[in-house]
mmCIF file of all heavy atoms, coordinates in Angstrom:
data_MODEL
# 
_entry.id   MODEL 
# 
loop_
_atom_site.group_PDB 
_atom_site.id 
_atom_site.type_symbol 
_atom_site.label_atom_id 
_atom_site.label_alt_id 
_atom_site.label_comp_id 
_atom_site.label_asym_id 
_atom_site.label_entity_id 
_atom_site.label_seq_id 
_atom_site.pdbx_PDB_ins_code 
_atom_site.Cartn_x 
_atom_site.Cartn_y 
_atom_site.Cartn_z 
_atom_site.occupancy 
_atom_site.B_iso_or_equiv 
_atom_site.pdbx_formal_charge 
_atom_site.auth_seq_id 
_atom_site.auth_comp_id 
_atom_site.auth_asym_id 
_atom_site.auth_atom_id 
_atom_site.pdbx_PDB_model_num 
ATOM 1   N N   . LEU A 1 1  ? 0.874  -1.242 0.024   1.00 0.00 ? 1  LEU A N   1 
ATOM 2   C CA  . LEU A 1 1  ? -0.014 -0.015 0.014   1.00 0.00 ? 1  LEU A CA  1 
ATOM 3   C C   . LEU A 1 1  ? 0.886  1.246  0.014   1.00 0.00 ? 1  LEU A C   1 
ATOM 4   O O   . LEU A 1 1  ? 0.696  2.250  -0.688  1.00 0.00 ? 1  LEU A O   1 
ATOM 5   C CB  . LEU A 1 1  ? -0.919 0.031  1.103   1.00 0.00 ? 1  LEU A CB  1 
ATOM 6   C CG  . LEU A 1 1  ? -2.050 -0.984 1.269   1.00 0.00 ? 1  LEU A CG  1 
ATOM 7   C CD1 . LEU A 1 1  ? -2.744 -1.134 2.551   1.00 0.00 ? 1  LEU A CD1 1 
ATOM 8   C CD2 . LEU A 1 1  ? -3.093 -0.678 0.187   1.00 0.00 ? 1  LEU A CD2 1 
ATOM 9   N N   . LEU A 1 2  ? 1.819  1.257  0.861   1.00 0.00 ? 2  LEU A N   1 
ATOM 10  C CA  . LEU A 1 2  ? 2.694  2.461  0.801   1.00 0.00 ? 2  LEU A CA  1 
ATOM 11  C C   . LEU A 1 2  ? 3.580  2.539  -0.399  1.00 0.00 ? 2  LEU A C   1 
ATOM 12  O O   . LEU A 1 2  ? 3.805  3.792  -0.777  1.00 0.00 ? 2  LEU A O   1 
ATOM 13  C CB  . LEU A 1 2  ? 3.593  2.351  2.215   1.00 0.00 ? 2  LEU A CB  1 
ATOM 14  C CG  . LEU A 1 2  ? 2.967  2.414  3.475   1.00 0.00 ? 2  LEU A CG  1 
ATOM 15  C CD1 . LEU A 1 2  ? 3.924  2.343  4.675   1.00 0.00 ? 2  LEU A CD1 1 
ATOM 16  C CD2 . LEU A 1 2  ? 1.968  3.563  3.681   1.00 0.00 ? 2  LEU A CD2 1 
ATOM 17  N N   . LEU A 1 3  ? 4.069  1.478  -0.876  1.00 0.00 ? 3  LEU A N   1 
ATOM 18  C CA  . LEU A 1 3  ? 4.837  1.534  -2.042  1.00 0.00 ? 3  LEU A CA  1 
ATOM 19  C C   . LEU A 1 3  ? 3.948  1.952  -3.297  1.00 0.00 ? 3  LEU A C   1 
ATOM 20  O O   . LEU A 1 3  ? 4.376  2.857  -4.169  1.00 0.00 ? 3  LEU A O   1 
ATOM 21  C CB  . LEU A 1 3  ? 5.381  0.203  -2.452  1.00 0.00 ? 3  LEU A CB  1 
ATOM 22  C CG  . LEU A 1 3  ? 6.181  0.058  -3.691  1.00 0.00 ? 3  LEU A CG  1 
ATOM 23  C CD1 . LEU A 1 3  ? 7.413  1.050  -3.712  1.00 0.00 ? 3  LEU A CD1 1 
ATOM 24  C CD2 . LEU A 1 3  ? 6.664  -1.368 -3.950  1.00 0.00 ? 3  LEU A CD2 1 
ATOM 25  N N   . GLY A 1 4  ? 2.644  1.679  -3.226  1.00 0.00 ? 4  GLY A N   1 
ATOM 26  C CA  . GLY A 1 4  ? 1.746  2.221  -4.237  1.00 0.00 ? 4  GLY A CA  1 
ATOM 27  C C   . GLY A 1 4  ? 1.661  3.732  -4.107  1.00 0.00 ? 4  GLY A C   1 
ATOM 28  O O   . GLY A 1 4  ? 1.553  4.439  -5.187  1.00 0.00 ? 4  GLY A O   1 
ATOM 29  N N   . LEU A 1 5  ? 1.533  4.312  -2.935  1.00 0.00 ? 5  LEU A N   1 
ATOM 30  C CA  . LEU A 1 5  ? 1.367  5.721  -2.687  1.00 0.00 ? 5  LEU A CA  1 
ATOM 31  C C   . LEU A 1 5  ? 2.742  6.429  -3.248  1.00 0.00 ? 5  LEU A C   1 
ATOM 32  O O   . LEU A 1 5  ? 2.640  7.442  -3.808  1.00 0.00 ? 5  LEU A O   1 
ATOM 33  C CB  . LEU A 1 5  ? 1.204  6.114  -1.308  1.00 0.00 ? 5  LEU A CB  1 
ATOM 34  C CG  . LEU A 1 5  ? -0.119 5.557  -0.628  1.00 0.00 ? 5  LEU A CG  1 
ATOM 35  C CD1 . LEU A 1 5  ? -0.139 5.871  0.868   1.00 0.00 ? 5  LEU A CD1 1 
ATOM 36  C CD2 . LEU A 1 5  ? -1.280 6.217  -1.354  1.00 0.00 ? 5  LEU A CD2 1 
ATOM 37  N N   . LEU A 1 6  ? 3.921  5.786  -2.990  1.00 0.00 ? 6  LEU A N   1 
ATOM 38  C CA  . LEU A 1 6  ? 5.135  6.396  -3.432  1.00 0.00 ? 6  LEU A CA  1 
ATOM 39  C C   . LEU A 1 6  ? 5.159  6.352  -5.000  1.00 0.00 ? 6  LEU A C   1 
ATOM 40  O O   . LEU A 1 6  ? 5.701  7.356  -5.639  1.00 0.00 ? 6  LEU A O   1 
ATOM 41  C CB  . LEU A 1 6  ? 6.328  5.490  -2.745  1.00 0.00 ? 6  LEU A CB  1 
ATOM 42  C CG  . LEU A 1 6  ? 6.533  5.769  -1.464  1.00 0.00 ? 6  LEU A CG  1 
ATOM 43  C CD1 . LEU A 1 6  ? 7.561  4.596  -0.866  1.00 0.00 ? 6  LEU A CD1 1 
ATOM 44  C CD2 . LEU A 1 6  ? 7.149  7.043  -1.090  1.00 0.00 ? 6  LEU A CD2 1 
ATOM 45  N N   . LEU A 1 7  ? 4.738  5.253  -5.608  1.00 0.00 ? 7  LEU A N   1 
ATOM 46  C CA  . LEU A 1 7  ? 4.626  5.164  -7.074  1.00 0.00 ? 7  LEU A CA  1 
ATOM 47  C C   . LEU A 1 7  ? 3.816  6.347  -7.604  1.00 0.00 ? 7  LEU A C   1 
ATOM 48  O O   . LEU A 1 7  ? 4.140  6.887  -8.729  1.00 0.00 ? 7  LEU A O   1 
ATOM 49  C CB  . LEU A 1 7  ? 4.126  3.805  -7.432  1.00 0.00 ? 7  LEU A CB  1 
ATOM 50  C CG  . LEU A 1 7  ? 5.199  2.668  -7.394  1.00 0.00 ? 7  LEU A CG  1 
ATOM 51  C CD1 . LEU A 1 7  ? 4.472  1.271  -7.415  1.00 0.00 ? 7  LEU A CD1 1 
ATOM 52  C CD2 . LEU A 1 7  ? 6.247  2.749  -8.492  1.00 0.00 ? 7  LEU A CD2 1 
ATOM 53  N N   . HIS A 1 8  ? 2.648  6.603  -6.909  1.00 0.00 ? 8  HIS A N   1 
ATOM 54  C CA  . HIS A 1 8  ? 1.806  7.596  -7.398  1.00 0.00 ? 8  HIS A CA  1 
ATOM 55  C C   . HIS A 1 8  ? 2.421  9.089  -7.217  1.00 0.00 ? 8  HIS A C   1 
ATOM 56  O O   . HIS A 1 8  ? 2.292  9.904  -8.048  1.00 0.00 ? 8  HIS A O   1 
ATOM 57  C CB  . HIS A 1 8  ? 0.479  7.581  -6.647  1.00 0.00 ? 8  HIS A CB  1 
ATOM 58  C CG  . HIS A 1 8  ? -0.545 6.778  -7.154  1.00 0.00 ? 8  HIS A CG  1 
ATOM 59  N ND1 . HIS A 1 8  ? -1.051 6.959  -8.505  1.00 0.00 ? 8  HIS A ND1 1 
ATOM 60  C CD2 . HIS A 1 8  ? -1.044 5.617  -6.781  1.00 0.00 ? 8  HIS A CD2 1 
ATOM 61  C CE1 . HIS A 1 8  ? -2.052 5.961  -8.719  1.00 0.00 ? 8  HIS A CE1 1 
ATOM 62  N NE2 . HIS A 1 8  ? -2.019 5.170  -7.636  1.00 0.00 ? 8  HIS A NE2 1 
ATOM 63  N N   . ARG A 1 9  ? 3.302  9.260  -6.146  1.00 0.00 ? 9  ARG A N   1 
ATOM 64  C CA  . ARG A 1 9  ? 4.027  10.390 -6.163  1.00 0.00 ? 9  ARG A CA  1 
ATOM 65  C C   . ARG A 1 9  ? 5.269  10.570 -6.983  1.00 0.00 ? 9  ARG A C   1 
ATOM 66  O O   . ARG A 1 9  ? 5.609  11.786 -7.316  1.00 0.00 ? 9  ARG A O   1 
ATOM 67  C CB  . ARG A 1 9  ? 4.631  10.476 -4.624  1.00 0.00 ? 9  ARG A CB  1 
ATOM 68  C CG  . ARG A 1 9  ? 3.654  10.704 -3.554  1.00 0.00 ? 9  ARG A CG  1 
ATOM 69  C CD  . ARG A 1 9  ? 4.263  10.933 -2.185  1.00 0.00 ? 9  ARG A CD  1 
ATOM 70  N NE  . ARG A 1 9  ? 3.379  11.127 -1.083  1.00 0.00 ? 9  ARG A NE  1 
ATOM 71  C CZ  . ARG A 1 9  ? 3.747  11.413 0.221   1.00 0.00 ? 9  ARG A CZ  1 
ATOM 72  N NH1 . ARG A 1 9  ? 5.009  11.507 0.462   1.00 0.00 ? 9  ARG A NH1 1 
ATOM 73  N NH2 . ARG A 1 9  ? 2.875  11.593 1.083   1.00 0.00 ? 9  ARG A NH2 1 
ATOM 74  N N   . SER A 1 10 ? 5.669  9.453  -7.538  1.00 0.00 ? 10 SER A N   1 
ATOM 75  C CA  . SER A 1 10 ? 6.812  9.496  -8.457  1.00 0.00 ? 10 SER A CA  1 
ATOM 76  C C   . SER A 1 10 ? 6.342  9.839  -9.874  1.00 0.00 ? 10 SER A C   1 
ATOM 77  O O   . SER A 1 10 ? 5.118  9.702  -10.121 1.00 0.00 ? 10 SER A O   1 
ATOM 78  C CB  . SER A 1 10 ? 7.555  8.123  -8.290  1.00 0.00 ? 10 SER A CB  1 
ATOM 79  O OG  . SER A 1 10 ? 6.874  7.161  -9.026  1.00 0.00 ? 10 SER A OG  1 
ATOM 80  N N   . PRO A 1 11 ? 7.252  10.080 -10.707 1.00 0.00 ? 11 PRO A N   1 
ATOM 81  C CA  . PRO A 1 11 ? 6.978  10.119 -12.242 1.00 0.00 ? 11 PRO A CA  1 
ATOM 82  C C   . PRO A 1 11 ? 6.697  8.931  -12.940 1.00 0.00 ? 11 PRO A C   1 
ATOM 83  O O   . PRO A 1 11 ? 6.451  8.986  -14.074 1.00 0.00 ? 11 PRO A O   1 
ATOM 84  C CB  . PRO A 1 11 ? 8.231  10.863 -12.838 1.00 0.00 ? 11 PRO A CB  1 
ATOM 85  C CG  . PRO A 1 11 ? 9.049  11.194 -11.634 1.00 0.00 ? 11 PRO A CG  1 
ATOM 86  C CD  . PRO A 1 11 ? 8.736  10.323 -10.525 1.00 0.00 ? 11 PRO A CD  1 
ATOM 87  N N   . LEU A 1 12 ? 6.804  7.769  -12.166 1.00 0.00 ? 12 LEU A N   1 
ATOM 88  C CA  . LEU A 1 12 ? 6.595  6.561  -12.903 1.00 0.00 ? 12 LEU A CA  1 
ATOM 89  C C   . LEU A 1 12 ? 5.052  6.351  -13.106 1.00 0.00 ? 12 LEU A C   1 
ATOM 90  O O   . LEU A 1 12 ? 4.269  6.999  -12.521 1.00 0.00 ? 12 LEU A O   1 
ATOM 91  C CB  . LEU A 1 12 ? 6.984  5.406  -11.957 1.00 0.00 ? 12 LEU A CB  1 
ATOM 92  C CG  . LEU A 1 12 ? 8.467  5.049  -12.122 1.00 0.00 ? 12 LEU A CG  1 
ATOM 93  C CD1 . LEU A 1 12 ? 9.344  6.047  -11.787 1.00 0.00 ? 12 LEU A CD1 1 
ATOM 94  C CD2 . LEU A 1 12 ? 8.798  3.687  -11.175 1.00 0.00 ? 12 LEU A CD2 1 
ATOM 95  N N   . PRO A 1 13 ? 4.661  5.355  -14.077 1.00 0.00 ? 13 PRO A N   1 
ATOM 96  C CA  . PRO A 1 13 ? 3.306  5.386  -14.373 1.00 0.00 ? 13 PRO A CA  1 
ATOM 97  C C   . PRO A 1 13 ? 2.191  4.980  -13.253 1.00 0.00 ? 13 PRO A C   1 
ATOM 98  O O   . PRO A 1 13 ? 2.629  4.274  -12.372 1.00 0.00 ? 13 PRO A O   1 
ATOM 99  C CB  . PRO A 1 13 ? 3.143  4.080  -15.305 1.00 0.00 ? 13 PRO A CB  1 
ATOM 100 C CG  . PRO A 1 13 ? 4.597  3.958  -15.979 1.00 0.00 ? 13 PRO A CG  1 
ATOM 101 C CD  . PRO A 1 13 ? 5.524  4.559  -14.856 1.00 0.00 ? 13 PRO A CD  1 
ATOM 102 N N   . GLY A 1 14 ? 1.229  5.840  -13.184 1.00 0.00 ? 14 GLY A N   1 
ATOM 103 C CA  . GLY A 1 14 ? 0.337  5.803  -11.868 1.00 0.00 ? 14 GLY A CA  1 
ATOM 104 C C   . GLY A 1 14 ? -0.346 4.357  -11.860 1.00 0.00 ? 14 GLY A C   1 
ATOM 105 O O   . GLY A 1 14 ? -0.756 4.031  -10.821 1.00 0.00 ? 14 GLY A O   1 
ATOM 106 N N   . LEU A 1 15 ? -0.337 3.786  -13.034 1.00 0.00 ? 15 LEU A N   1 
ATOM 107 C CA  . LEU A 1 15 ? -1.129 2.508  -13.044 1.00 0.00 ? 15 LEU A CA  1 
ATOM 108 C C   . LEU A 1 15 ? -0.427 1.412  -12.098 1.00 0.00 ? 15 LEU A C   1 
ATOM 109 O O   . LEU A 1 15 ? -0.951 0.667  -11.448 1.00 0.00 ? 15 LEU A O   1 
ATOM 110 C CB  . LEU A 1 15 ? -1.107 1.915  -14.470 1.00 0.00 ? 15 LEU A CB  1 
ATOM 111 C CG  . LEU A 1 15 ? -1.802 0.528  -14.612 1.00 0.00 ? 15 LEU A CG  1 
ATOM 112 C CD1 . LEU A 1 15 ? -3.251 0.423  -14.093 1.00 0.00 ? 15 LEU A CD1 1 
ATOM 113 C CD2 . LEU A 1 15 ? -1.637 0.054  -16.030 1.00 0.00 ? 15 LEU A CD2 1 
ATOM 114 N N   . LEU A 1 16 ? 0.984  1.590  -12.169 1.00 0.00 ? 16 LEU A N   1 
ATOM 115 C CA  . LEU A 1 16 ? 1.806  0.741  -11.279 1.00 0.00 ? 16 LEU A CA  1 
ATOM 116 C C   . LEU A 1 16 ? 1.410  0.903  -9.793  1.00 0.00 ? 16 LEU A C   1 
ATOM 117 O O   . LEU A 1 16 ? 1.433  -0.045 -9.051  1.00 0.00 ? 16 LEU A O   1 
ATOM 118 C CB  . LEU A 1 16 ? 3.289  1.053  -11.504 1.00 0.00 ? 16 LEU A CB  1 
ATOM 119 C CG  . LEU A 1 16 ? 3.966  0.599  -12.853 1.00 0.00 ? 16 LEU A CG  1 
ATOM 120 C CD1 . LEU A 1 16 ? 5.298  1.134  -12.881 1.00 0.00 ? 16 LEU A CD1 1 
ATOM 121 C CD2 . LEU A 1 16 ? 3.777  -0.781 -13.018 1.00 0.00 ? 16 LEU A CD2 1 
ATOM 122 N N   . GLY A 1 17 ? 1.299  2.241  -9.433  1.00 0.00 ? 17 GLY A N   1 
ATOM 123 C CA  . GLY A 1 17 ? 0.877  2.461  -7.994  1.00 0.00 ? 17 GLY A CA  1 
ATOM 124 C C   . GLY A 1 17 ? -0.469 1.964  -7.740  1.00 0.00 ? 17 GLY A C   1 
ATOM 125 O O   . GLY A 1 17 ? -0.635 1.326  -6.733  1.00 0.00 ? 17 GLY A O   1 
ATOM 126 N N   . SER A 1 18 ? -1.448 2.080  -8.617  1.00 0.00 ? 18 SER A N   1 
ATOM 127 C CA  . SER A 1 18 ? -2.787 1.554  -8.378  1.00 0.00 ? 18 SER A CA  1 
ATOM 128 C C   . SER A 1 18 ? -2.809 -0.031 -8.201  1.00 0.00 ? 18 SER A C   1 
ATOM 129 O O   . SER A 1 18 ? -3.430 -0.556 -7.452  1.00 0.00 ? 18 SER A O   1 
ATOM 130 C CB  . SER A 1 18 ? -3.714 1.885  -9.653  1.00 0.00 ? 18 SER A CB  1 
ATOM 131 O OG  . SER A 1 18 ? -3.906 3.397  -9.648  1.00 0.00 ? 18 SER A OG  1 
ATOM 132 N N   . LEU A 1 19 ? -1.919 -0.698 -9.119  1.00 0.00 ? 19 LEU A N   1 
ATOM 133 C CA  . LEU A 1 19 ? -1.922 -2.206 -9.045  1.00 0.00 ? 19 LEU A CA  1 
ATOM 134 C C   . LEU A 1 19 ? -1.293 -2.554 -7.740  1.00 0.00 ? 19 LEU A C   1 
ATOM 135 O O   . LEU A 1 19 ? -1.670 -3.534 -7.183  1.00 0.00 ? 19 LEU A O   1 
ATOM 136 C CB  . LEU A 1 19 ? -1.061 -2.739 -10.226 1.00 0.00 ? 19 LEU A CB  1 
ATOM 137 C CG  . LEU A 1 19 ? -1.875 -2.467 -11.584 1.00 0.00 ? 19 LEU A CG  1 
ATOM 138 C CD1 . LEU A 1 19 ? -0.872 -2.974 -12.701 1.00 0.00 ? 19 LEU A CD1 1 
ATOM 139 C CD2 . LEU A 1 19 ? -3.072 -3.270 -11.563 1.00 0.00 ? 19 LEU A CD2 1 
ATOM 140 N N   . MET A 1 20 ? -0.191 -1.884 -7.229  1.00 0.00 ? 20 MET A N   1 
ATOM 141 C CA  . MET A 1 20 ? 0.406  -2.232 -5.987  1.00 0.00 ? 20 MET A CA  1 
ATOM 142 C C   . MET A 1 20 ? -0.572 -2.014 -4.820  1.00 0.00 ? 20 MET A C   1 
ATOM 143 O O   . MET A 1 20 ? -0.540 -2.695 -3.774  1.00 0.00 ? 20 MET A O   1 
ATOM 144 C CB  . MET A 1 20 ? 1.724  -1.457 -5.872  1.00 0.00 ? 20 MET A CB  1 
ATOM 145 C CG  . MET A 1 20 ? 2.873  -1.918 -6.665  1.00 0.00 ? 20 MET A CG  1 
ATOM 146 S SD  . MET A 1 20 ? 3.302  -3.724 -6.496  1.00 0.00 ? 20 MET A SD  1 
ATOM 147 C CE  . MET A 1 20 ? 3.752  -3.860 -4.760  1.00 0.00 ? 20 MET A CE  1 
ATOM 148 N N   . ILE A 1 21 ? -1.353 -0.963 -4.920  1.00 0.00 ? 21 ILE A N   1 
ATOM 149 C CA  . ILE A 1 21 ? -2.319 -0.674 -3.845  1.00 0.00 ? 21 ILE A CA  1 
ATOM 150 C C   . ILE A 1 21 ? -3.354 -1.935 -3.912  1.00 0.00 ? 21 ILE A C   1 
ATOM 151 O O   . ILE A 1 21 ? -3.744 -2.293 -2.714  1.00 0.00 ? 21 ILE A O   1 
ATOM 152 C CB  . ILE A 1 21 ? -3.051 0.605  -4.039  1.00 0.00 ? 21 ILE A CB  1 
ATOM 153 C CG1 . ILE A 1 21 ? -1.948 1.750  -3.625  1.00 0.00 ? 21 ILE A CG1 1 
ATOM 154 C CG2 . ILE A 1 21 ? -4.225 0.764  -3.159  1.00 0.00 ? 21 ILE A CG2 1 
ATOM 155 C CD1 . ILE A 1 21 ? -2.563 3.104  -4.048  1.00 0.00 ? 21 ILE A CD1 1 
ATOM 156 N N   . LEU A 1 22 ? -3.759 -2.273 -4.982  1.00 0.00 ? 22 LEU A N   1 
ATOM 157 C CA  . LEU A 1 22 ? -4.558 -3.558 -5.079  1.00 0.00 ? 22 LEU A CA  1 
ATOM 158 C C   . LEU A 1 22 ? -4.073 -4.745 -4.517  1.00 0.00 ? 22 LEU A C   1 
ATOM 159 O O   . LEU A 1 22 ? -4.715 -5.544 -3.820  1.00 0.00 ? 22 LEU A O   1 
ATOM 160 C CB  . LEU A 1 22 ? -5.126 -3.719 -6.553  1.00 0.00 ? 22 LEU A CB  1 
ATOM 161 C CG  . LEU A 1 22 ? -6.085 -2.780 -7.063  1.00 0.00 ? 22 LEU A CG  1 
ATOM 162 C CD1 . LEU A 1 22 ? -6.420 -3.077 -8.577  1.00 0.00 ? 22 LEU A CD1 1 
ATOM 163 C CD2 . LEU A 1 22 ? -7.385 -2.844 -6.369  1.00 0.00 ? 22 LEU A CD2 1 
ATOM 164 N N   . ALA A 1 23 ? -2.775 -4.906 -4.899  1.00 0.00 ? 23 ALA A N   1 
ATOM 165 C CA  . ALA A 1 23 ? -2.144 -6.031 -4.175  1.00 0.00 ? 23 ALA A CA  1 
ATOM 166 C C   . ALA A 1 23 ? -1.961 -6.025 -2.689  1.00 0.00 ? 23 ALA A C   1 
ATOM 167 O O   . ALA A 1 23 ? -2.248 -6.933 -2.034  1.00 0.00 ? 23 ALA A O   1 
ATOM 168 C CB  . ALA A 1 23 ? -0.564 -6.155 -4.829  1.00 0.00 ? 23 ALA A CB  1 
ATOM 169 N N   . GLY A 1 24 ? -1.792 -4.785 -2.247  1.00 0.00 ? 24 GLY A N   1 
ATOM 170 C CA  . GLY A 1 24 ? -1.713 -4.557 -0.767  1.00 0.00 ? 24 GLY A CA  1 
ATOM 171 C C   . GLY A 1 24 ? -3.114 -4.956 -0.180  1.00 0.00 ? 24 GLY A C   1 
ATOM 172 O O   . GLY A 1 24 ? -3.103 -5.556 0.927   1.00 0.00 ? 24 GLY A O   1 
# 
């Protein structure tokens, strides 16, 4: 969940963050 939030804050694709949040 926290990694997903960090991915959303970063310039990396937001989809990666959403998928990590779903995994969490």
